[in-house]
Amino acid sequence: MVKLIAVLNVVAWSGFWAFGYLALSAGTEAGGQMVTAAILAAAGGAIGLWAYFQLIRHSEATGYAKPANRATPTYDETDLNGGNA
């Protein structure tokens, strides 16, 4: 499943860059083509971000990448029972 998400990530980002270029380079007389390319670029970017975050989550869960630094609450931010304020 992870390999499928990785392939989806590559394809989605490729679509984002390709259709994004087409949307930006379309002439003013081709408004319909520009809108279609912009919608496809946005979809590719959204799917690419989703797949990227899924790959990050998997790599942190399996130990391949160290988890992101998290701030621990200070003594002032916790109550007497040890819970968060």
Protein backbone atom coordinates (compact mmCIF):
# COMPACT_ATOMS: atom_id res chain seq x y z
CA MET A 1 0.00 0.00 0.00
CA VAL A 2 2.86 2.35 0.76
CA LYS A 3 4.36 1.83 -2.69
CA LEU A 4 1.00 2.63 -4.26
CA ILE A 5 0.81 5.88 -2.26
CA ALA A 6 4.39 6.70 -3.30
CA VAL A 7 3.52 6.21 -6.98
CA LEU A 8 0.37 8.28 -6.50
CA ASN A 9 2.52 10.99 -4.92
CA VAL A 10 4.84 11.14 -7.92
CA VAL A 11 2.01 11.11 -10.45
CA ALA A 12 0.04 13.76 -8.57
CA TRP A 13 2.99 16.15 -8.27
CA SER A 14 3.83 15.59 -11.93
CA GLY A 15 0.27 16.53 -12.84
CA PHE A 16 0.45 19.56 -10.57
CA TRP A 17 3.57 20.90 -12.27
CA ALA A 18 2.49 20.01 -15.82
CA PHE A 19 -1.04 21.40 -15.58
CA GLY A 20 0.16 24.34 -13.50
CA TYR A 21 2.54 25.29 -16.27
CA LEU A 22 -0.21 24.92 -18.85
CA ALA A 23 -2.53 27.11 -16.77
CA LEU A 24 0.10 29.82 -16.35
CA SER A 25 1.24 29.78 -19.96
CA ALA A 26 -2.23 29.72 -21.53
CA GLY A 27 -3.06 32.81 -23.50
CA THR A 28 -5.87 35.15 -22.57
CA GLU A 29 -7.94 33.95 -25.52
CA ALA A 30 -7.99 30.37 -24.15
CA GLY A 31 -9.90 30.98 -20.92
CA GLY A 32 -11.57 27.58 -20.82
CA GLN A 33 -8.29 25.74 -21.21
CA MET A 34 -6.71 27.83 -18.47
CA VAL A 35 -9.52 27.10 -16.01
CA THR A 36 -9.45 23.38 -16.77
CA ALA A 37 -5.67 23.24 -16.37
CA ALA A 38 -5.87 25.23 -13.12
CA ILE A 39 -8.49 22.85 -11.69
CA LEU A 40 -6.39 19.82 -12.65
CA ALA A 41 -3.28 21.43 -11.16
CA ALA A 42 -5.12 22.14 -7.91
CA ALA A 43 -6.36 18.55 -7.76
CA GLY A 44 -2.83 17.26 -8.38
CA GLY A 45 -1.45 19.50 -5.66
CA ALA A 46 -4.09 18.43 -3.14
CA ILE A 47 -3.62 14.73 -3.87
CA GLY A 48 0.16 15.16 -3.81
CA LEU A 49 0.05 16.84 -0.39
CA TRP A 50 -2.25 14.14 0.98
CA ALA A 51 0.02 11.37 -0.30
CA TYR A 52 3.13 13.13 1.00
CA PHE A 53 1.67 13.45 4.49
CA GLN A 54 0.64 9.80 4.42
CA LEU A 55 4.20 8.82 3.53
CA ILE A 56 5.57 10.98 6.35
CA ARG A 57 3.15 9.39 8.81
CA HIS A 58 4.17 5.91 7.69
CA SER A 59 7.90 6.63 7.84
CA GLU A 60 7.60 8.03 11.37
CA ALA A 61 5.47 5.09 12.52
CA THR A 62 7.92 2.49 11.18
CA GLY A 63 10.97 4.25 12.58
CA TYR A 64 12.49 5.10 9.22
CA ALA A 65 12.34 8.81 10.07
CA LYS A 66 12.52 10.25 13.53
CA PRO A 67 9.30 11.87 14.75
CA ALA A 68 9.00 15.63 14.59
CA ASN A 69 10.09 17.58 17.64
CA ARG A 70 7.20 18.19 19.99
CA ALA A 71 7.22 20.74 22.77
CA THR A 72 6.62 19.26 26.20
CA PRO A 73 4.50 21.24 28.64
CA THR A 74 6.38 23.04 31.37
CA TYR A 75 5.57 22.73 35.05
CA ASP A 76 3.45 25.86 34.90
CA GLU A 77 1.36 24.45 32.05
CA THR A 78 0.40 21.27 33.90
CA ASP A 79 -1.95 20.97 36.84
CA LEU A 80 -1.16 19.11 40.05
CA ASN A 81 -2.49 15.81 38.67
CA GLY A 82 -0.06 15.84 35.76
CA GLY A 83 -2.62 16.63 33.08
CA ASN A 84 -2.49 19.54 30.70
CA ALA A 85 -4.02 22.79 31.84
